[in-house]
Amino acid sequence: MILLNAIIVLILMFKIKIYMRTQFKNPFIAFFLLLIFMGTIFISCKKDENIPKEDDPIEEPIEEEAPLITQKINEFIKLSMEDVYLWEQYLPNIDIRYEFDSKEYFDKLLYSEDKWSFITDDIEALEASFQGVETTFGYSLAFGRFSNTETLFAIVEYVYPNSPASMANLKRGDIILQLNLGDITEENYRELFYGSTIDITLGVLDDGSISEGSKINMTSQTLNLDPVLVTDVIEVDGRKIGYLFYAQYISNYNSSLDIAFQEFKVQGITDLVLDIRYNPGGYISAAQHLCSSLAPQSVVSAQDVLVTLQWNSFYQNYWQTNQVYNQIQMNYVSTPVNLNLSKIYILTGSGSASASELTITGLDPYMDVVLIGDTTYGKYTGSITLKPEKIFTSEPSSYYADFDNWGLQPIVLRYANALGITDFKDGFAPDFYVYDDLWEGIPLGDPTDPLLAKALEQITGIKKVSALKKQAIPYYEIFGRGFSRFDKQKQNLIVDMPKTKK
């Protein structure tokens, strides 16, 4: 190709030379123009040589890979999700070598219907929280925003005994107006949970306006929190009505339920009000224990179906083939105390989720369940806790030593009650809508609490008129609530899974 170009150029040069001599009398001008033309020709030839042919291979740029530790974490995520994830068949095919943020990689794997699976790099604290061990101030809060402003506030929902909040004499209905001597904002309000030491300024409600009140300093403590928080027996018109406030489903505290139910039985209660308006859920075994303690004795004796469990296709087939029936069906079981109820009144709210909803739907086929309060959260799935040591069973511990505090809580099953009811995405609507009024500060278990008052009215037929004067309150909206930094994670039904792998 080069030789051919050279011959063509020589012929052109010869002809151009003759032409220029005839046009230009000065030989130097002709020679100068000839040089310019030759340069242009050779540059063009040079450029042509650099144009790749259609069949020439094109070199792709080398893509940078994520650090090795990140790839290992990604491997842990990939193996876990491919194994037990409920929607395993929908997992996208993503090369873990090029995922630099493991948490973002995890989010990319989630099925569109999945609002609940999560990942953490502090699995020890999460598991402790599931067991009721929290580093906390010991209160549950509702967060609000005054209308047409950016000013936030918090209202105390309840307080655990012997906690920093209890020692500071905080109680239900107290308003927190400032944090660390400044405004409560979108950026800092979580410090009311996460902070190790905080200063809060209480608000004083007076005829529709709120002014600054006393200031309180608190330091968080690591506490073991019994979820059976309030129990009482209320006598109305010859009826003895038991009241139980249950904050979280924790199997380690099933004995606390037994003690409460035994006291109810000794006092001869005729009715029971179960308050789970703020209960986010917890262990499926705790829900099984609670339901078995409440349901008709005949249902428990017959070990009737509480809920059925649907895993991904591999595990569903595995449990059935190997006759591991307790992983595809949970039945009522014998408990130390059974109240043998035919009807129950359950106080609910938007914070009632997972195990709370399993209690509602699991009891419903066998007894009259009356819901009072607000619509529940809508959580019909269960999850398990996975750690690197459970996945890398054939590897030495040194393989995952740098990320052994990471963990996953993937959704692995959906549940249905004995009538097949599942996928209640919009939650359970109450039979009686009642506004949960925090501003009045009425203690949980007090007969004048609006939700409990409605339950007592339905039980006795007697409508109780509150003697309290309703205060005017400023316009506001509640945008969230919670107790722990793991509140969202606690909206999971936690399942203990036998040791087996594909």
Protein backbone atom coordinates (compact mmCIF):
# COMPACT_ATOMS: atom_id res chain seq x y z
CA MET A 1 0.00 0.00 0.00
CA ILE A 2 2.84 2.38 0.88
CA LEU A 3 4.70 1.54 -2.38
CA LEU A 4 1.61 2.24 -4.46
CA ASN A 5 1.11 5.61 -2.77
CA ALA A 6 4.75 6.53 -3.42
CA ILE A 7 4.49 5.77 -7.17
CA ILE A 8 1.32 7.84 -7.45
CA VAL A 9 2.99 10.73 -5.64
CA LEU A 10 6.07 10.64 -7.95
CA ILE A 11 3.92 10.74 -11.07
CA LEU A 12 1.90 13.65 -9.69
CA MET A 13 5.07 15.49 -8.71
CA PHE A 14 6.49 15.17 -12.22
CA LYS A 15 3.35 16.53 -13.84
CA ILE A 16 2.98 19.28 -11.27
CA LYS A 17 6.63 20.28 -11.80
CA ILE A 18 6.06 20.73 -15.53
CA TYR A 19 2.85 22.65 -14.84
CA MET A 20 4.49 24.98 -12.34
CA ARG A 21 7.39 25.81 -14.64
CA THR A 22 4.95 26.90 -17.27
CA GLN A 23 2.93 28.98 -14.80
CA PHE A 24 5.68 30.50 -12.65
CA LYS A 25 8.67 32.23 -14.20
CA ASN A 26 10.52 32.19 -10.87
CA PRO A 27 11.84 28.63 -10.24
CA PHE A 28 12.11 29.27 -6.48
CA ILE A 29 8.38 29.97 -6.16
CA ALA A 30 7.58 26.80 -8.10
CA PHE A 31 9.93 24.76 -5.91
CA PHE A 32 8.40 26.19 -2.68
CA LEU A 33 4.82 25.36 -3.72
CA LEU A 34 5.90 21.87 -4.70
CA LEU A 35 7.30 21.25 -1.23
CA ILE A 36 4.00 22.33 0.39
CA PHE A 37 2.05 19.98 -1.86
CA MET A 38 4.38 17.05 -1.11
CA GLY A 39 4.05 17.60 2.63
CA THR A 40 0.27 17.59 2.40
CA ILE A 41 0.28 14.36 0.44
CA PHE A 42 2.60 12.53 2.86
CA ILE A 43 0.65 13.72 5.93
CA SER A 44 -2.54 12.41 4.35
CA CYS A 45 -0.86 9.08 3.69
CA LYS A 46 0.36 8.97 7.26
CA LYS A 47 -3.13 9.63 8.62
CA ASP A 48 -4.62 6.98 6.38
CA GLU A 49 -2.17 4.45 7.80
CA ASN A 50 -3.52 5.15 11.34
CA ILE A 51 -7.18 4.52 10.47
CA PRO A 52 -8.05 1.07 11.85
CA LYS A 53 -9.48 -1.50 9.53
CA GLU A 54 -12.91 -2.99 10.17
CA ASP A 55 -11.41 -6.33 11.12
CA ASP A 56 -8.72 -4.86 13.41
CA PRO A 57 -9.31 -5.78 17.12
CA ILE A 58 -10.36 -2.81 19.34
CA GLU A 59 -8.66 -2.76 22.73
CA GLU A 60 -11.14 -2.31 25.62
CA PRO A 61 -10.05 -0.23 28.63
CA ILE A 62 -9.24 -2.35 31.68
CA GLU A 63 -11.97 -1.85 34.35
CA GLU A 64 -10.75 -1.32 37.88
CA GLU A 65 -11.82 -3.98 40.39
CA ALA A 66 -13.04 -3.36 43.94
CA PRO A 67 -10.66 -4.01 46.87
CA LEU A 68 -10.38 -7.65 47.88
CA ILE A 69 -12.20 -7.20 51.21
CA THR A 70 -15.12 -5.56 49.39
CA GLN A 71 -15.24 -8.44 46.94
CA LYS A 72 -15.37 -10.88 49.86
CA ILE A 73 -18.27 -9.01 51.45
CA ASN A 74 -19.98 -9.01 48.07
CA GLU A 75 -19.40 -12.75 47.86
CA PHE A 76 -21.02 -13.20 51.28
CA ILE A 77 -24.04 -11.22 50.09
CA LYS A 78 -24.28 -13.09 46.78
CA LEU A 79 -24.05 -16.58 48.31
CA SER A 80 -26.57 -15.71 51.03
CA MET A 81 -29.17 -14.27 48.70
CA GLU A 82 -28.81 -17.05 46.11
CA ASP A 83 -29.39 -19.56 48.89
CA VAL A 84 -32.39 -18.44 50.95
CA TYR A 85 -33.88 -15.25 49.50
CA LEU A 86 -37.63 -15.63 48.97
CA TRP A 87 -37.42 -14.01 45.53
CA GLU A 88 -34.20 -15.81 44.59
CA GLN A 89 -35.36 -16.43 41.00
CA TYR A 90 -35.47 -12.67 40.36
CA LEU A 91 -31.90 -11.89 41.47
CA PRO A 92 -30.03 -9.88 38.82
CA ASN A 93 -26.69 -11.14 37.51
CA ILE A 94 -24.14 -8.59 38.75
CA ASP A 95 -20.35 -9.06 38.68
CA ILE A 96 -19.25 -8.65 42.30
CA ARG A 97 -15.71 -7.74 41.28
CA TYR A 98 -16.80 -4.28 40.18
CA GLU A 99 -19.13 -3.37 43.06
CA PHE A 100 -17.26 -0.89 45.27
CA ASP A 101 -20.04 -0.30 47.82
CA SER A 102 -21.35 -3.54 49.34
CA LYS A 103 -24.46 -1.93 50.82
CA GLU A 104 -25.39 -0.44 47.46
CA TYR A 105 -24.72 -3.82 45.83
CA PHE A 106 -27.11 -5.46 48.32
CA ASP A 107 -29.81 -2.91 47.50
CA LYS A 108 -29.41 -3.66 43.78
CA LEU A 109 -30.36 -7.28 44.45
CA LEU A 110 -33.69 -6.61 46.17
CA TYR A 111 -36.93 -7.55 44.48
CA SER A 112 -39.30 -4.66 43.80
CA GLU A 113 -41.83 -5.95 46.37
CA ASP A 114 -39.19 -6.24 49.08
CA LYS A 115 -39.26 -3.27 51.49
CA TRP A 116 -37.75 -5.10 54.44
CA SER A 117 -34.49 -6.97 53.72
CA PHE A 118 -31.46 -5.11 55.03
CA ILE A 119 -27.72 -5.28 55.62
CA THR A 120 -25.67 -4.06 58.58
CA ASP A 121 -22.02 -3.75 59.51
CA ASP A 122 -22.89 -4.05 63.24
CA ILE A 123 -24.64 -7.41 63.52
CA GLU A 124 -23.72 -7.80 67.20
CA ALA A 125 -25.67 -4.69 68.21
CA LEU A 126 -28.59 -5.70 65.99
CA GLU A 127 -28.85 -9.19 67.49
CA ALA A 128 -28.62 -7.73 70.98
CA SER A 129 -31.46 -5.35 70.12
CA PHE A 130 -33.58 -8.26 68.91
CA GLN A 131 -33.04 -9.78 72.37
CA GLY A 132 -34.08 -6.61 74.18
CA VAL A 133 -30.55 -5.39 74.98
CA GLU A 134 -30.24 -1.74 74.01
CA THR A 135 -27.91 1.15 74.64
CA THR A 136 -30.69 3.62 75.15
CA PHE A 137 -32.29 6.48 77.06
CA GLY A 138 -35.27 4.20 77.64
CA TYR A 139 -38.11 6.07 75.95
CA SER A 140 -40.20 5.67 72.81
CA LEU A 141 -40.90 8.86 70.86
CA ALA A 142 -43.27 10.19 68.21
CA PHE A 143 -41.71 12.83 65.96
CA GLY A 144 -43.72 15.76 64.67
CA ARG A 145 -43.43 18.98 62.70
CA PHE A 146 -45.38 22.14 63.44
CA SER A 147 -47.39 23.14 60.37
CA ASN A 148 -45.82 25.59 57.90
CA THR A 149 -42.47 25.47 59.71
CA GLU A 150 -39.30 23.41 59.68
CA THR A 151 -39.40 23.13 63.47
CA LEU A 152 -39.47 19.55 64.76
CA PHE A 153 -40.48 18.22 68.15
CA ALA A 154 -40.90 14.87 69.89
CA ILE A 155 -43.55 13.50 72.25
CA VAL A 156 -42.87 10.65 74.68
CA GLU A 157 -45.01 7.57 73.97
CA TYR A 158 -43.82 5.44 76.88
CA VAL A 159 -40.86 5.03 79.21
CA TYR A 160 -39.13 1.88 80.47
CA PRO A 161 -38.68 1.65 84.24
CA ASN A 162 -35.19 2.10 85.69
CA SER A 163 -33.95 3.81 82.53
CA PRO A 164 -32.27 7.23 82.12
CA ALA A 165 -35.61 8.66 80.92
CA SER A 166 -37.39 7.19 83.93
CA MET A 167 -34.74 8.56 86.31
CA ALA A 168 -35.26 11.98 84.69
CA ASN A 169 -39.00 11.66 85.47
CA LEU A 170 -40.01 11.73 81.82
CA LYS A 171 -43.47 10.34 81.16
CA ARG A 172 -45.95 9.71 78.36
CA GLY A 173 -47.05 12.98 76.76
CA ASP A 174 -43.93 15.00 77.64
CA ILE A 175 -42.86 17.29 74.79
CA ILE A 176 -39.21 17.61 73.77
CA LEU A 177 -38.73 21.01 72.17
CA GLN A 178 -34.95 21.39 71.88
CA LEU A 179 -31.90 19.15 71.59
CA ASN A 180 -28.51 20.20 72.93
CA LEU A 181 -29.74 23.78 73.43
CA GLY A 182 -30.74 24.15 69.78
CA ASP A 183 -33.57 23.34 67.41
CA ILE A 184 -34.49 19.78 66.59
CA THR A 185 -33.89 19.35 62.85
CA GLU A 186 -34.03 16.73 60.10
CA GLU A 187 -30.27 16.35 60.49
CA ASN A 188 -30.07 15.83 64.27
CA TYR A 189 -33.37 14.43 65.57
CA ARG A 190 -32.07 10.84 65.52
CA GLU A 191 -29.56 11.86 68.19
CA LEU A 192 -32.51 11.54 70.57
CA PHE A 193 -31.94 7.80 70.05
CA TYR A 194 -28.29 7.52 69.00
CA GLY A 195 -26.58 10.05 71.22
CA SER A 196 -24.53 8.90 74.18
CA THR A 197 -25.19 12.06 76.19
CA ILE A 198 -27.83 14.67 75.33
CA ASP A 199 -29.40 17.79 76.74
CA ILE A 200 -33.11 18.21 76.06
CA THR A 201 -35.45 21.11 76.68
CA LEU A 202 -39.02 20.19 77.52
CA GLY A 203 -41.97 22.09 76.11
CA VAL A 204 -44.91 23.42 78.13
CA LEU A 205 -48.29 23.36 76.37
CA ASP A 206 -50.58 26.22 77.35
CA ASP A 207 -53.72 27.16 75.44
CA GLY A 208 -52.43 26.23 72.00
CA SER A 209 -48.87 27.50 72.33
CA ILE A 210 -45.71 25.80 73.53
CA SER A 211 -43.06 27.53 75.60
CA GLU A 212 -39.70 26.33 76.86
CA GLY A 213 -39.68 24.43 80.12
CA SER A 214 -37.08 22.59 82.16
CA LYS A 215 -33.80 21.29 80.77
CA ILE A 216 -32.67 17.69 81.31
CA ASN A 217 -29.32 15.97 80.76
CA MET A 218 -29.29 12.22 80.08
CA THR A 219 -26.60 9.64 79.42
CA SER A 220 -27.57 6.43 77.65
CA GLN A 221 -27.17 3.07 79.34
CA THR A 222 -27.07 -0.53 78.13
CA LEU A 223 -30.24 -2.11 79.51
CA ASN A 224 -32.14 -5.39 79.35
CA LEU A 225 -35.67 -4.32 78.47
CA ASP A 226 -38.59 -6.56 79.41
CA PRO A 227 -41.27 -6.06 76.71
CA VAL A 228 -44.12 -6.86 79.12
CA LEU A 229 -44.23 -3.26 80.22
CA VAL A 230 -47.65 -2.66 81.76
CA THR A 231 -50.18 -5.10 83.23
CA ASP A 232 -53.33 -4.32 85.16
CA VAL A 233 -56.79 -5.60 86.04
CA ILE A 234 -59.59 -3.06 85.61
CA GLU A 235 -62.94 -3.66 87.29
CA VAL A 236 -65.98 -2.18 85.55
CA ASP A 237 -69.57 -3.04 86.44
CA GLY A 238 -68.67 -6.39 87.94
CA ARG A 239 -66.33 -7.43 85.11
CA LYS A 240 -62.62 -7.95 85.57
CA ILE A 241 -60.73 -6.87 82.47
CA GLY A 242 -57.06 -7.63 82.04
CA TYR A 243 -54.80 -5.13 80.29
CA LEU A 244 -51.36 -6.00 78.84
CA PHE A 245 -49.00 -3.62 77.04
CA TYR A 246 -46.49 -5.65 75.00
CA ALA A 247 -43.63 -3.68 73.40
CA GLN A 248 -41.71 -6.31 71.40
CA TYR A 249 -41.83 -10.03 70.59
CA ILE A 250 -38.80 -11.47 72.41
CA SER A 251 -38.76 -15.21 73.12
CA ASN A 252 -36.37 -14.80 76.06
CA TYR A 253 -39.18 -12.96 77.88
CA ASN A 254 -41.94 -15.52 77.29
CA SER A 255 -41.76 -16.20 81.02
CA SER A 256 -42.83 -12.60 81.66
CA LEU A 257 -45.95 -13.28 79.61
CA ASP A 258 -46.57 -16.42 81.68
CA ILE A 259 -46.32 -14.45 84.94
CA ALA A 260 -48.76 -11.82 83.68
CA PHE A 261 -51.25 -14.40 82.42
CA GLN A 262 -51.02 -16.38 85.63
CA GLU A 263 -51.91 -13.24 87.60
CA PHE A 264 -54.84 -12.60 85.28
CA LYS A 265 -56.03 -16.14 85.86
CA VAL A 266 -55.69 -15.86 89.64
CA GLN A 267 -57.75 -12.67 89.61
CA GLY A 268 -60.37 -14.31 87.42
CA ILE A 269 -60.43 -11.90 84.48
CA THR A 270 -63.40 -12.19 82.13
CA ASP A 271 -61.88 -10.25 79.22
CA LEU A 272 -58.46 -9.19 77.94
CA VAL A 273 -57.19 -6.08 76.18
CA LEU A 274 -53.84 -6.65 74.41
CA ASP A 275 -52.04 -3.40 73.59
CA ILE A 276 -49.58 -3.76 70.68
CA ARG A 277 -50.10 -0.30 69.14
CA TYR A 278 -46.32 0.38 69.14
CA ASN A 279 -45.05 -3.21 68.79
CA PRO A 280 -42.87 -3.56 65.63
CA GLY A 281 -42.61 -7.36 65.84
CA GLY A 282 -39.84 -9.81 66.64
CA TYR A 283 -39.47 -13.57 66.95
CA ILE A 284 -42.04 -15.90 65.43
CA SER A 285 -41.58 -18.24 68.41
CA ALA A 286 -42.68 -15.43 70.76
CA ALA A 287 -45.81 -14.88 68.65
CA GLN A 288 -46.51 -18.60 68.77
CA HIS A 289 -46.19 -18.56 72.58
CA LEU A 290 -48.46 -15.53 72.96
CA CYS A 291 -51.19 -16.89 70.67
CA SER A 292 -51.09 -20.29 72.35
CA SER A 293 -51.55 -18.61 75.74
CA LEU A 294 -54.64 -16.71 74.54
CA ALA A 295 -56.52 -19.06 72.21
CA PRO A 296 -59.31 -21.46 73.19
CA GLN A 297 -57.93 -24.48 75.04
CA SER A 298 -59.50 -26.82 72.47
CA VAL A 299 -57.47 -25.18 69.68
CA VAL A 300 -54.25 -25.52 71.64
CA SER A 301 -54.96 -29.14 72.65
CA ALA A 302 -55.63 -30.06 69.02
CA GLN A 303 -52.44 -28.25 67.96
CA ASP A 304 -54.33 -26.52 65.18
CA VAL A 305 -52.52 -24.52 62.49
CA LEU A 306 -51.35 -21.07 63.56
CA VAL A 307 -49.70 -20.12 60.24
CA THR A 308 -48.23 -21.82 57.19
CA LEU A 309 -44.85 -20.73 55.82
CA GLN A 310 -43.88 -20.43 52.14
CA TRP A 311 -40.12 -20.41 51.33
CA ASN A 312 -38.37 -20.19 47.97
CA SER A 313 -38.82 -23.26 45.75
CA PHE A 314 -35.62 -24.98 46.86
CA TYR A 315 -36.26 -24.78 50.60
CA GLN A 316 -39.99 -25.44 50.31
CA ASN A 317 -39.21 -28.69 48.45
CA TYR A 318 -36.40 -29.51 50.87
CA TRP A 319 -38.57 -29.18 53.99
CA GLN A 320 -41.36 -31.22 52.44
CA THR A 321 -39.12 -33.95 51.06
CA ASN A 322 -37.28 -34.33 54.36
CA GLN A 323 -40.50 -33.97 56.39
CA VAL A 324 -39.25 -30.94 58.33
CA TYR A 325 -42.82 -29.83 58.85
CA ASN A 326 -42.13 -27.27 61.57
CA GLN A 327 -40.47 -25.12 58.88
CA ILE A 328 -43.53 -25.00 56.64
CA GLN A 329 -46.24 -24.91 59.30
CA MET A 330 -46.44 -23.53 62.83
CA ASN A 331 -49.08 -24.94 65.13
CA TYR A 332 -50.50 -23.91 68.48
CA VAL A 333 -48.44 -25.41 71.31
CA SER A 334 -48.92 -26.06 74.99
CA THR A 335 -47.83 -23.18 77.26
CA PRO A 336 -47.63 -22.89 81.08
CA VAL A 337 -50.77 -20.71 81.17
CA ASN A 338 -53.74 -20.69 78.79
CA LEU A 339 -56.48 -18.08 79.25
CA ASN A 340 -58.94 -19.99 77.06
CA LEU A 341 -60.43 -16.85 75.52
CA SER A 342 -63.16 -16.81 72.89
CA LYS A 343 -62.83 -13.07 72.25
CA ILE A 344 -59.98 -10.59 72.52
CA TYR A 345 -59.63 -6.81 72.11
CA ILE A 346 -56.38 -5.71 70.48
CA LEU A 347 -55.18 -2.10 70.42
CA THR A 348 -53.32 -1.35 67.18
CA GLY A 349 -51.48 1.44 65.38
CA SER A 350 -49.36 2.05 62.32
CA GLY A 351 -46.39 0.72 64.33
CA SER A 352 -48.01 -2.72 64.78
CA ALA A 353 -46.05 -4.93 62.38
CA SER A 354 -44.92 -8.47 61.50
CA ALA A 355 -45.29 -10.61 64.66
CA SER A 356 -48.04 -8.27 65.87
CA GLU A 357 -49.93 -8.85 62.64
CA LEU A 358 -49.24 -12.59 62.81
CA THR A 359 -50.91 -12.58 66.24
CA ILE A 360 -53.98 -10.86 64.79
CA THR A 361 -54.34 -13.05 61.71
CA GLY A 362 -53.27 -16.25 63.49
CA LEU A 363 -55.96 -15.91 66.18
CA ASP A 364 -58.69 -14.73 63.82
CA PRO A 365 -59.87 -18.15 62.51
CA TYR A 366 -60.44 -19.44 66.04
CA MET A 367 -61.83 -16.53 68.07
CA ASP A 368 -63.45 -13.13 67.81
CA VAL A 369 -60.67 -10.54 67.35
CA VAL A 370 -61.73 -6.91 67.80
CA LEU A 371 -59.22 -4.28 66.60
CA ILE A 372 -59.24 -0.78 68.06
CA GLY A 373 -56.98 2.12 67.07
CA ASP A 374 -55.39 2.56 63.64
CA THR A 375 -54.49 0.41 60.60
CA THR A 376 -51.48 -1.85 61.12
CA TYR A 377 -48.25 -1.66 59.12
CA GLY A 378 -48.76 -4.48 56.57
CA LYS A 379 -45.93 -7.02 56.96
CA TYR A 380 -46.63 -10.60 55.88
CA THR A 381 -43.08 -11.92 55.48
CA GLY A 382 -40.35 -13.38 57.69
CA SER A 383 -36.56 -13.13 57.73
CA ILE A 384 -33.49 -14.81 59.16
CA THR A 385 -30.17 -13.47 60.42
CA LEU A 386 -27.13 -14.47 58.35
CA LYS A 387 -23.50 -13.88 59.29
CA PRO A 388 -20.27 -14.72 57.42
CA GLU A 389 -19.61 -17.68 59.71
CA LYS A 390 -22.89 -19.27 58.59
CA ILE A 391 -22.03 -18.93 54.90
CA PHE A 392 -18.28 -19.57 54.73
CA THR A 393 -18.49 -22.84 56.65
CA SER A 394 -15.65 -24.45 54.66
CA GLU A 395 -13.32 -21.48 55.10
CA PRO A 396 -11.11 -20.68 58.12
CA SER A 397 -12.31 -17.83 60.32
CA SER A 398 -9.39 -15.75 59.04
CA TYR A 399 -11.12 -15.61 55.64
CA TYR A 400 -13.85 -13.32 57.00
CA ALA A 401 -12.12 -11.90 60.09
CA ASP A 402 -12.08 -8.39 58.60
CA PHE A 403 -15.87 -8.32 58.17
CA ASP A 404 -17.18 -10.80 60.75
CA ASN A 405 -19.48 -8.13 62.23
CA TRP A 406 -21.39 -7.75 58.97
CA GLY A 407 -24.77 -9.41 58.66
CA LEU A 408 -27.87 -9.75 56.51
CA GLN A 409 -31.55 -9.97 57.37
CA PRO A 410 -33.06 -11.17 54.07
CA ILE A 411 -36.73 -11.98 53.59
CA VAL A 412 -36.99 -15.77 53.28
CA LEU A 413 -40.70 -16.56 53.58
CA ARG A 414 -44.27 -15.27 53.53
CA TYR A 415 -46.86 -16.55 55.97
CA ALA A 416 -50.61 -17.19 55.83
CA ASN A 417 -53.12 -18.02 58.53
CA ALA A 418 -55.20 -21.20 58.67
CA LEU A 419 -57.67 -19.67 56.18
CA GLY A 420 -54.89 -18.82 53.71
CA ILE A 421 -54.95 -15.07 54.33
CA THR A 422 -51.62 -13.46 53.36
CA ASP A 423 -50.21 -10.52 51.39
CA PHE A 424 -52.08 -7.98 53.52
CA LYS A 425 -49.96 -5.17 52.08
CA ASP A 426 -52.26 -2.47 53.41
CA GLY A 427 -52.30 -3.87 56.95
CA PHE A 428 -55.36 -4.69 59.04
CA ALA A 429 -57.93 -1.94 59.43
CA PRO A 430 -59.42 -1.59 62.92
CA ASP A 431 -63.04 -2.30 63.71
CA PHE A 432 -63.04 1.02 65.57
CA TYR A 433 -60.78 3.89 64.51
CA VAL A 434 -59.57 5.79 67.57
CA TYR A 435 -56.97 8.58 67.55
CA ASP A 436 -53.97 7.89 69.78
CA ASP A 437 -53.88 11.17 71.71
CA LEU A 438 -50.41 11.73 73.17
CA TRP A 439 -50.89 15.38 74.04
CA GLU A 440 -53.05 14.64 77.07
CA GLY A 441 -50.33 12.42 78.51
CA ILE A 442 -52.73 9.75 79.76
CA PRO A 443 -50.66 6.78 81.05
CA LEU A 444 -50.87 3.44 79.28
CA GLY A 445 -53.35 1.26 81.12
CA ASP A 446 -55.39 4.23 82.40
CA PRO A 447 -59.11 3.62 81.64
CA THR A 448 -59.36 7.14 80.18
CA ASP A 449 -56.78 6.44 77.47
CA PRO A 450 -58.87 6.79 74.27
CA LEU A 451 -58.01 3.37 72.81
CA LEU A 452 -58.47 1.51 76.09
CA ALA A 453 -61.62 3.49 76.86
CA LYS A 454 -63.15 2.31 73.56
CA ALA A 455 -62.27 -1.31 74.40
CA LEU A 456 -63.87 -0.98 77.85
CA GLU A 457 -66.95 0.52 76.26
CA GLN A 458 -67.25 -2.42 73.86
CA ILE A 459 -66.78 -4.92 76.68
CA THR A 460 -69.18 -3.39 79.18
CA GLY A 461 -71.56 -1.36 77.03
CA ILE A 462 -70.84 1.62 79.28
CA LYS A 463 -69.49 4.74 77.58
CA LYS A 464 -67.07 6.58 79.83
CA VAL A 465 -66.96 10.33 79.46
CA SER A 466 -63.52 11.77 80.18
CA ALA A 467 -63.38 14.36 82.93
CA LEU A 468 -60.21 15.82 81.45
CA LYS A 469 -60.41 19.19 79.74
CA LYS A 470 -59.00 18.95 76.24
CA GLN A 471 -56.18 21.42 75.66
CA ALA A 472 -55.86 23.42 72.47
CA ILE A 473 -52.78 22.30 70.54
CA PRO A 474 -50.85 23.93 67.69
CA TYR A 475 -51.25 22.60 64.16
CA TYR A 476 -48.79 19.77 63.51
CA GLU A 477 -48.14 16.51 61.70
CA ILE A 478 -46.52 13.33 63.02
CA PHE A 479 -43.94 12.01 60.52
CA GLY A 480 -42.35 9.15 62.42
CA ARG A 481 -41.93 7.29 65.65
CA GLY A 482 -39.64 4.80 67.30
CA PHE A 483 -37.56 3.61 70.19
CA SER A 484 -34.28 2.25 68.83
CA ARG A 485 -31.85 2.92 66.00
CA PHE A 486 -32.91 -0.53 64.78
CA ASP A 487 -36.62 0.31 64.64
CA LYS A 488 -36.93 -0.32 60.92
CA GLN A 489 -35.10 -3.62 61.24
CA LYS A 490 -37.39 -4.68 64.08
CA GLN A 491 -40.34 -4.62 61.69
CA ASN A 492 -39.23 -8.11 60.75
CA LEU A 493 -40.67 -11.45 61.74
CA ILE A 494 -37.52 -13.29 62.80
CA VAL A 495 -37.31 -17.00 61.99
CA ASP A 496 -34.79 -19.46 63.43
CA MET A 497 -33.54 -21.58 60.55
CA PRO A 498 -32.04 -25.12 60.91
CA LYS A 499 -28.48 -25.58 59.72
CA THR A 500 -28.65 -26.76 56.13
CA LYS A 501 -27.40 -25.48 52.81
CA LYS A 502 -27.84 -26.24 49.15
